[in-house]
């Protein structure tokens, strides 16, 4: 039985495979670009790195912000929300 869990957020800059190997719980940072919120997962499933920077370049500075929202955990995997 595991007595502790290492938790980090998606700014840890690790590959998903390494986070899985180390059994890390990774909380996704949420990025608001314009009117849409994207969860930043390590595997890029919702918004990839290239897409993020492309959208960021096309959006006015005052429309960009980051926030961390964590609502619940399921089955050892951390899930977040805006």
PDB file of N, CA and C in Angstrom:
ATOM      1  N   UNK A   1       0.839  -1.193   0.000  1.00  0.00           N
ATOM      2  CA  UNK A   1       0.000   0.000   0.000  1.00  0.00           C
ATOM      3  C   UNK A   1       0.881   1.251   0.000  1.00  0.00           C
ATOM      4  N   UNK A   2       0.555   2.164  -0.894  1.00  0.00           N
ATOM      5  CA  UNK A   2       1.326   3.401  -1.003  1.00  0.00           C
ATOM      6  C   UNK A   2       0.931   4.342   0.134  1.00  0.00           C
ATOM      7  N   UNK A   3       1.951   4.930   0.794  1.00  0.00           N
ATOM      8  CA  UNK A   3       1.680   5.816   1.925  1.00  0.00           C
ATOM      9  C   UNK A   3       1.775   7.289   1.567  1.00  0.00           C
ATOM     10  N   UNK A   4       2.208   7.588   0.335  1.00  0.00           N
ATOM     11  CA  UNK A   4       2.307   8.984  -0.076  1.00  0.00           C
ATOM     12  C   UNK A   4       2.122   9.071  -1.588  1.00  0.00           C
ATOM     13  N   UNK A   5       1.840  10.266  -2.063  1.00  0.00           N
ATOM     14  CA  UNK A   5       1.684  10.529  -3.495  1.00  0.00           C
ATOM     15  C   UNK A   5       2.404  11.817  -3.826  1.00  0.00           C
ATOM     16  N   UNK A   6       3.283  11.775  -4.793  1.00  0.00           N
ATOM     17  CA  UNK A   6       3.957  12.986  -5.255  1.00  0.00           C
ATOM     18  C   UNK A   6       3.043  13.649  -6.273  1.00  0.00           C
ATOM     19  N   UNK A   7       2.757  14.922  -6.047  1.00  0.00           N
ATOM     20  CA  UNK A   7       1.861  15.687  -6.911  1.00  0.00           C
ATOM     21  C   UNK A   7       2.616  16.895  -7.445  1.00  0.00           C
ATOM     22  N   UNK A   8       2.440  17.158  -8.721  1.00  0.00           N
ATOM     23  CA  UNK A   8       3.026  18.330  -9.358  1.00  0.00           C
ATOM     24  C   UNK A   8       1.999  18.900 -10.321  1.00  0.00           C
ATOM     25  N   UNK A   9       2.329  20.001 -10.963  1.00  0.00           N
ATOM     26  CA  UNK A   9       1.433  20.512 -11.997  1.00  0.00           C
ATOM     27  C   UNK A   9       2.108  20.359 -13.353  1.00  0.00           C
ATOM     28  N   UNK A  10       1.369  20.670 -14.400  1.00  0.00           N
ATOM     29  CA  UNK A  10       1.869  20.414 -15.748  1.00  0.00           C
ATOM     30  C   UNK A  10       3.020  21.320 -16.161  1.00  0.00           C
ATOM     31  N   UNK A  11       3.396  22.271 -15.344  1.00  0.00           N
ATOM     32  CA  UNK A  11       4.580  23.086 -15.650  1.00  0.00           C
ATOM     33  C   UNK A  11       5.868  22.346 -15.303  1.00  0.00           C
ATOM     34  N   UNK A  12       5.765  21.109 -14.809  1.00  0.00           N
ATOM     35  CA  UNK A  12       6.962  20.340 -14.431  1.00  0.00           C
ATOM     36  C   UNK A  12       7.825  19.984 -15.638  1.00  0.00           C
ATOM     37  N   UNK A  13       7.295  20.107 -16.846  1.00  0.00           N
ATOM     38  CA  UNK A  13       8.053  19.898 -18.081  1.00  0.00           C
ATOM     39  C   UNK A  13       8.646  18.500 -18.168  1.00  0.00           C
ATOM     40  N   UNK A  14       7.872  17.496 -17.792  1.00  0.00           N
ATOM     41  CA  UNK A  14       8.290  16.104 -17.917  1.00  0.00           C
ATOM     42  C   UNK A  14       7.499  15.434 -19.034  1.00  0.00           C
ATOM     43  N   UNK A  15       8.078  14.462 -19.705  1.00  0.00           N
ATOM     44  CA  UNK A  15       7.289  13.688 -20.659  1.00  0.00           C
ATOM     45  C   UNK A  15       6.245  12.856 -19.910  1.00  0.00           C
ATOM     46  N   UNK A  16       5.088  12.633 -20.527  1.00  0.00           N
ATOM     47  CA  UNK A  16       4.026  11.849 -19.902  1.00  0.00           C
ATOM     48  C   UNK A  16       4.530  10.466 -19.500  1.00  0.00           C
ATOM     49  N   UNK A  17       5.357   9.854 -20.336  1.00  0.00           N
ATOM     50  CA  UNK A  17       5.866   8.506 -20.043  1.00  0.00           C
ATOM     51  C   UNK A  17       6.671   8.477 -18.740  1.00  0.00           C
ATOM     52  N   UNK A  18       7.468   9.505 -18.496  1.00  0.00           N
ATOM     53  CA  UNK A  18       8.256   9.555 -17.260  1.00  0.00           C
ATOM     54  C   UNK A  18       7.351   9.792 -16.052  1.00  0.00           C
ATOM     55  N   UNK A  19       6.365  10.655 -16.189  1.00  0.00           N
ATOM     56  CA  UNK A  19       5.418  10.883 -15.083  1.00  0.00           C
ATOM     57  C   UNK A  19       4.685   9.587 -14.748  1.00  0.00           C
ATOM     58  N   UNK A  20       4.313   8.820 -15.771  1.00  0.00           N
ATOM     59  CA  UNK A  20       3.660   7.527 -15.539  1.00  0.00           C
ATOM     60  C   UNK A  20       4.601   6.551 -14.848  1.00  0.00           C
ATOM     61  N   UNK A  21       5.842   6.488 -15.329  1.00  0.00           N
ATOM     62  CA  UNK A  21       6.841   5.576 -14.756  1.00  0.00           C
ATOM     63  C   UNK A  21       7.089   5.884 -13.279  1.00  0.00           C
ATOM     64  N   UNK A  22       7.116   7.164 -12.939  1.00  0.00           N
ATOM     65  CA  UNK A  22       7.376   7.584 -11.556  1.00  0.00           C
ATOM     66  C   UNK A  22       6.102   7.639 -10.713  1.00  0.00           C
ATOM     67  N   UNK A  23       4.965   7.323 -11.315  1.00  0.00           N
ATOM     68  CA  UNK A  23       3.670   7.339 -10.645  1.00  0.00           C
ATOM     69  C   UNK A  23       3.360   8.705 -10.029  1.00  0.00           C
ATOM     70  N   UNK A  24       3.626   9.766 -10.808  1.00  0.00           N
ATOM     71  CA  UNK A  24       3.341  11.123 -10.356  1.00  0.00           C
ATOM     72  C   UNK A  24       1.895  11.483 -10.670  1.00  0.00           C
ATOM     73  N   UNK A  25       1.249  12.187  -9.792  1.00  0.00           N
ATOM     74  CA  UNK A  25      -0.063  12.770 -10.074  1.00  0.00           C
ATOM     75  C   UNK A  25       0.208  14.171 -10.619  1.00  0.00           C
ATOM     76  N   UNK A  26      -0.214  14.408 -11.857  1.00  0.00           N
ATOM     77  CA  UNK A  26       0.069  15.691 -12.510  1.00  0.00           C
ATOM     78  C   UNK A  26      -1.235  16.454 -12.700  1.00  0.00           C
ATOM     79  N   UNK A  27      -1.322  17.609 -12.058  1.00  0.00           N
ATOM     80  CA  UNK A  27      -2.501  18.462 -12.177  1.00  0.00           C
ATOM     81  C   UNK A  27      -2.317  19.397 -13.366  1.00  0.00           C
ATOM     82  N   UNK A  28      -3.278  19.420 -14.281  1.00  0.00           N
ATOM     83  CA  UNK A  28      -3.113  20.280 -15.461  1.00  0.00           C
ATOM     84  C   UNK A  28      -3.346  21.748 -15.129  1.00  0.00           C
ATOM     85  N   UNK A  29      -2.438  22.603 -15.604  1.00  0.00           N
ATOM     86  CA  UNK A  29      -2.692  24.040 -15.541  1.00  0.00           C
ATOM     87  C   UNK A  29      -3.750  24.349 -16.592  1.00  0.00           C
ATOM     88  N   UNK A  30      -4.561  25.333 -16.326  1.00  0.00           N
ATOM     89  CA  UNK A  30      -5.583  25.746 -17.290  1.00  0.00           C
ATOM     90  C   UNK A  30      -5.218  27.120 -17.827  1.00  0.00           C
ATOM     91  N   UNK A  31      -5.309  27.248 -19.144  1.00  0.00           N
ATOM     92  CA  UNK A  31      -4.917  28.471 -19.823  1.00  0.00           C
ATOM     93  C   UNK A  31      -6.142  29.032 -20.529  1.00  0.00           C
ATOM     94  N   UNK A  32      -6.443  30.276 -20.258  1.00  0.00           N
ATOM     95  CA  UNK A  32      -7.548  30.955 -20.916  1.00  0.00           C
ATOM     96  C   UNK A  32      -6.981  31.789 -22.056  1.00  0.00           C
ATOM     97  N   UNK A  33      -7.389  31.455 -23.287  1.00  0.00           N
ATOM     98  CA  UNK A  33      -6.967  32.202 -24.467  1.00  0.00           C
ATOM     99  C   UNK A  33      -8.237  32.683 -25.147  1.00  0.00           C
ATOM    100  N   UNK A  34      -8.427  33.987 -25.167  1.00  0.00           N
ATOM    101  CA  UNK A  34      -9.685  34.530 -25.682  1.00  0.00           C
ATOM    102  C   UNK A  34     -10.825  34.103 -24.769  1.00  0.00           C
ATOM    103  N   UNK A  35     -11.795  33.426 -25.327  1.00  0.00           N
ATOM    104  CA  UNK A  35     -12.957  32.967 -24.557  1.00  0.00           C
ATOM    105  C   UNK A  35     -12.903  31.476 -24.249  1.00  0.00           C
ATOM    106  N   UNK A  36     -11.818  30.792 -24.607  1.00  0.00           N
ATOM    107  CA  UNK A  36     -11.740  29.343 -24.444  1.00  0.00           C
ATOM    108  C   UNK A  36     -10.678  28.959 -23.418  1.00  0.00           C
ATOM    109  N   UNK A  37     -11.012  28.012 -22.553  1.00  0.00           N
ATOM    110  CA  UNK A  37     -10.079  27.502 -21.559  1.00  0.00           C
ATOM    111  C   UNK A  37      -9.552  26.151 -22.008  1.00  0.00           C
ATOM    112  N   UNK A  38      -8.240  25.986 -21.969  1.00  0.00           N
ATOM    113  CA  UNK A  38      -7.585  24.742 -22.351  1.00  0.00           C
ATOM    114  C   UNK A  38      -6.868  24.170 -21.137  1.00  0.00           C
ATOM    115  N   UNK A  39      -6.983  22.855 -20.942  1.00  0.00           N
ATOM    116  CA  UNK A  39      -6.213  22.176 -19.903  1.00  0.00           C
ATOM    117  C   UNK A  39      -4.882  21.753 -20.510  1.00  0.00           C
ATOM    118  N   UNK A  40      -3.801  22.054 -19.817  1.00  0.00           N
ATOM    119  CA  UNK A  40      -2.460  21.720 -20.297  1.00  0.00           C
ATOM    120  C   UNK A  40      -2.026  20.393 -19.692  1.00  0.00           C
ATOM    121  N   UNK A  41      -2.307  19.297 -20.404  1.00  0.00           N
ATOM    122  CA  UNK A  41      -1.856  17.975 -19.979  1.00  0.00           C
ATOM    123  C   UNK A  41      -0.475  17.717 -20.570  1.00  0.00           C
ATOM    124  N   UNK A  42       0.321  16.882 -19.910  1.00  0.00           N
ATOM    125  CA  UNK A  42       1.670  16.598 -20.385  1.00  0.00           C
ATOM    126  C   UNK A  42       1.674  15.991 -21.776  1.00  0.00           C
ATOM    127  N   UNK A  43       0.653  15.207 -22.097  1.00  0.00           N
ATOM    128  CA  UNK A  43       0.618  14.556 -23.411  1.00  0.00           C
ATOM    129  C   UNK A  43       0.016  15.442 -24.501  1.00  0.00           C
ATOM    130  N   UNK A  44      -0.384  16.669 -24.146  1.00  0.00           N
ATOM    131  CA  UNK A  44      -0.900  17.607 -25.134  1.00  0.00           C
ATOM    132  C   UNK A  44      -2.254  17.252 -25.699  1.00  0.00           C
ATOM    133  N   UNK A  45      -3.037  16.431 -24.986  1.00  0.00           N
ATOM    134  CA  UNK A  45      -4.303  15.940 -25.534  1.00  0.00           C
ATOM    135  C   UNK A  45      -5.326  17.040 -25.787  1.00  0.00           C
ATOM    136  N   UNK A  46      -5.290  18.118 -25.028  1.00  0.00           N
ATOM    137  CA  UNK A  46      -6.277  19.187 -25.232  1.00  0.00           C
ATOM    138  C   UNK A  46      -5.710  20.349 -26.040  1.00  0.00           C
ATOM    139  N   UNK A  47      -4.468  20.694 -25.767  1.00  0.00           N
ATOM    140  CA  UNK A  47      -3.787  21.712 -26.572  1.00  0.00           C
ATOM    141  C   UNK A  47      -2.295  21.380 -26.548  1.00  0.00           C
ATOM    142  N   UNK A  48      -1.734  21.207 -27.730  1.00  0.00           N
ATOM    143  CA  UNK A  48      -0.316  20.888 -27.845  1.00  0.00           C
ATOM    144  C   UNK A  48       0.530  22.148 -27.716  1.00  0.00           C
ATOM    145  N   UNK A  49       1.823  21.952 -27.575  1.00  0.00           N
ATOM    146  CA  UNK A  49       2.720  23.089 -27.369  1.00  0.00           C
ATOM    147  C   UNK A  49       2.723  24.042 -28.561  1.00  0.00           C
ATOM    148  N   UNK A  50       2.816  23.509 -29.767  1.00  0.00           N
ATOM    149  CA  UNK A  50       2.818  24.363 -30.956  1.00  0.00           C
ATOM    150  C   UNK A  50       1.504  25.134 -31.078  1.00  0.00           C
ATOM    151  N   UNK A  51       0.394  24.435 -30.872  1.00  0.00           N
ATOM    152  CA  UNK A  51      -0.916  25.091 -30.956  1.00  0.00           C
ATOM    153  C   UNK A  51      -1.042  26.187 -29.891  1.00  0.00           C
ATOM    154  N   UNK A  52      -0.565  25.911 -28.674  1.00  0.00           N
ATOM    155  CA  UNK A  52      -0.603  26.900 -27.604  1.00  0.00           C
ATOM    156  C   UNK A  52       0.128  28.178 -28.014  1.00  0.00           C
ATOM    157  N   UNK A  53       1.370  28.034 -28.496  1.00  0.00           N
ATOM    158  CA  UNK A  53       2.148  29.221 -28.850  1.00  0.00           C
ATOM    159  C   UNK A  53       1.587  29.932 -30.071  1.00  0.00           C
ATOM    160  N   UNK A  54       1.018  29.185 -31.023  1.00  0.00           N
ATOM    161  CA  UNK A  54       0.365  29.823 -32.173  1.00  0.00           C
ATOM    162  C   UNK A  54      -0.825  30.663 -31.720  1.00  0.00           C
ATOM    163  N   UNK A  55      -1.679  30.082 -30.869  1.00  0.00           N
ATOM    164  CA  UNK A  55      -2.843  30.818 -30.363  1.00  0.00           C
ATOM    165  C   UNK A  55      -2.407  32.008 -29.523  1.00  0.00           C
ATOM    166  N   UNK A  56      -1.364  31.819 -28.729  1.00  0.00           N
ATOM    167  CA  UNK A  56      -0.876  32.888 -27.856  1.00  0.00           C
ATOM    168  C   UNK A  56      -0.381  34.084 -28.667  1.00  0.00           C
ATOM    169  N   UNK A  57       0.331  33.803 -29.752  1.00  0.00           N
ATOM    170  CA  UNK A  57       0.825  34.880 -30.607  1.00  0.00           C
ATOM    171  C   UNK A  57      -0.321  35.659 -31.257  1.00  0.00           C
ATOM    172  N   UNK A  58      -1.418  34.980 -31.563  1.00  0.00           N
ATOM    173  CA  UNK A  58      -2.542  35.615 -32.255  1.00  0.00           C
ATOM    174  C   UNK A  58      -3.512  36.320 -31.304  1.00  0.00           C
ATOM    175  N   UNK A  59      -3.319  36.202 -29.998  1.00  0.00           N
ATOM    176  CA  UNK A  59      -4.242  36.767 -29.017  1.00  0.00           C
ATOM    177  C   UNK A  59      -3.620  37.995 -28.365  1.00  0.00           C
ATOM    178  N   UNK A  60      -4.417  39.025 -28.184  1.00  0.00           N
ATOM    179  CA  UNK A  60      -3.918  40.243 -27.523  1.00  0.00           C
ATOM    180  C   UNK A  60      -3.466  39.919 -26.100  1.00  0.00           C
ATOM    181  N   UNK A  61      -2.451  40.633 -25.650  1.00  0.00           N
ATOM    182  CA  UNK A  61      -1.837  40.363 -24.347  1.00  0.00           C
ATOM    183  C   UNK A  61      -2.855  40.368 -23.206  1.00  0.00           C
ATOM    184  N   UNK A  62      -3.783  41.308 -23.158  1.00  0.00           N
ATOM    185  CA  UNK A  62      -4.704  41.403 -22.026  1.00  0.00           C
ATOM    186  C   UNK A  62      -5.730  40.270 -22.016  1.00  0.00           C
ATOM    187  N   UNK A  63      -5.802  39.460 -23.067  1.00  0.00           N
ATOM    188  CA  UNK A  63      -6.725  38.326 -23.097  1.00  0.00           C
ATOM    189  C   UNK A  63      -6.082  37.038 -22.608  1.00  0.00           C
ATOM    190  N   UNK A  64      -4.793  37.078 -22.270  1.00  0.00           N
ATOM    191  CA  UNK A  64      -4.083  35.867 -21.883  1.00  0.00           C
ATOM    192  C   UNK A  64      -3.890  35.839 -20.371  1.00  0.00           C
ATOM    193  N   UNK A  65      -4.159  34.688 -19.779  1.00  0.00           N
ATOM    194  CA  UNK A  65      -3.861  34.494 -18.363  1.00  0.00           C
ATOM    195  C   UNK A  65      -3.848  33.006 -18.059  1.00  0.00           C
ATOM    196  N   UNK A  66      -3.200  32.641 -16.972  1.00  0.00           N
ATOM    197  CA  UNK A  66      -3.143  31.251 -16.551  1.00  0.00           C
ATOM    198  C   UNK A  66      -3.740  31.132 -15.169  1.00  0.00           C
ATOM    199  N   UNK A  67      -4.317  29.979 -14.913  1.00  0.00           N
ATOM    200  CA  UNK A  67      -4.839  29.708 -13.577  1.00  0.00           C
ATOM    201  C   UNK A  67      -4.847  28.213 -13.350  1.00  0.00           C
ATOM    202  N   UNK A  68      -4.770  27.819 -12.122  1.00  0.00           N
ATOM    203  CA  UNK A  68      -4.802  26.413 -11.757  1.00  0.00           C
ATOM    204  C   UNK A  68      -6.136  26.143 -11.094  1.00  0.00           C
ATOM    205  N   UNK A  69      -6.835  25.161 -11.580  1.00  0.00           N
ATOM    206  CA  UNK A  69      -8.110  24.786 -10.984  1.00  0.00           C
ATOM    207  C   UNK A  69      -8.141  23.295 -10.764  1.00  0.00           C
ATOM    208  N   UNK A  70      -8.311  22.881  -9.538  1.00  0.00           N
ATOM    209  CA  UNK A  70      -8.342  21.463  -9.219  1.00  0.00           C
ATOM    210  C   UNK A  70      -9.658  21.174  -8.528  1.00  0.00           C
ATOM    211  N   UNK A  71     -10.388  20.222  -9.067  1.00  0.00           N
ATOM    212  CA  UNK A  71     -11.692  19.921  -8.494  1.00  0.00           C
ATOM    213  C   UNK A  71     -11.754  18.556  -7.838  1.00  0.00           C
ATOM    214  N   UNK A  72     -11.192  17.518  -8.453  1.00  0.00           N
ATOM    215  CA  UNK A  72     -11.328  16.188  -7.861  1.00  0.00           C
ATOM    216  C   UNK A  72     -10.252  15.262  -8.382  1.00  0.00           C
ATOM    217  N   UNK A  73     -10.127  14.131  -7.721  1.00  0.00           N
ATOM    218  CA  UNK A  73      -9.205  13.081  -8.135  1.00  0.00           C
ATOM    219  C   UNK A  73     -10.008  11.804  -8.310  1.00  0.00           C
ATOM    220  N   UNK A  74      -9.692  11.064  -9.345  1.00  0.00           N
ATOM    221  CA  UNK A  74     -10.370   9.802  -9.608  1.00  0.00           C
ATOM    222  C   UNK A  74      -9.336   8.727  -9.892  1.00  0.00           C
ATOM    223  N   UNK A  75      -9.407   7.638  -9.168  1.00  0.00           N
ATOM    224  CA  UNK A  75      -8.561   6.491  -9.450  1.00  0.00           C
ATOM    225  C   UNK A  75      -7.077   6.783  -9.499  1.00  0.00           C
ATOM    226  N   UNK A  76      -6.598   7.688  -8.663  1.00  0.00           N
ATOM    227  CA  UNK A  76      -5.173   8.004  -8.643  1.00  0.00           C
ATOM    228  C   UNK A  76      -4.735   8.983  -9.703  1.00  0.00           C
ATOM    229  N   UNK A  77      -5.621   9.371 -10.598  1.00  0.00           N
ATOM    230  CA  UNK A  77      -5.276  10.343 -11.629  1.00  0.00           C
ATOM    231  C   UNK A  77      -5.922  11.673 -11.267  1.00  0.00           C
ATOM    232  N   UNK A  78      -5.134  12.699 -11.258  1.00  0.00           N
ATOM    233  CA  UNK A  78      -5.649  14.022 -10.889  1.00  0.00           C
ATOM    234  C   UNK A  78      -6.426  14.601 -12.064  1.00  0.00           C
ATOM    235  N   UNK A  79      -7.524  15.243 -11.772  1.00  0.00           N
ATOM    236  CA  UNK A  79      -8.305  15.922 -12.788  1.00  0.00           C
ATOM    237  C   UNK A  79      -8.534  17.350 -12.334  1.00  0.00           C
ATOM    238  N   UNK A  80      -8.536  18.267 -13.257  1.00  0.00           N
ATOM    239  CA  UNK A  80      -8.739  19.662 -12.913  1.00  0.00           C
ATOM    240  C   UNK A  80      -9.863  20.259 -13.694  1.00  0.00           C
ATOM    241  N   UNK A  81     -10.186  21.477 -13.383  1.00  0.00           N
ATOM    242  CA  UNK A  81     -11.227  22.197 -14.084  1.00  0.00           C
ATOM    243  C   UNK A  81     -10.980  23.673 -13.980  1.00  0.00           C
ATOM    244  N   UNK A  82     -11.650  24.431 -14.805  1.00  0.00           N
ATOM    245  CA  UNK A  82     -11.441  25.880 -14.771  1.00  0.00           C
ATOM    246  C   UNK A  82     -11.912  26.502 -13.484  1.00  0.00           C
TER     247      UNK A  82
END
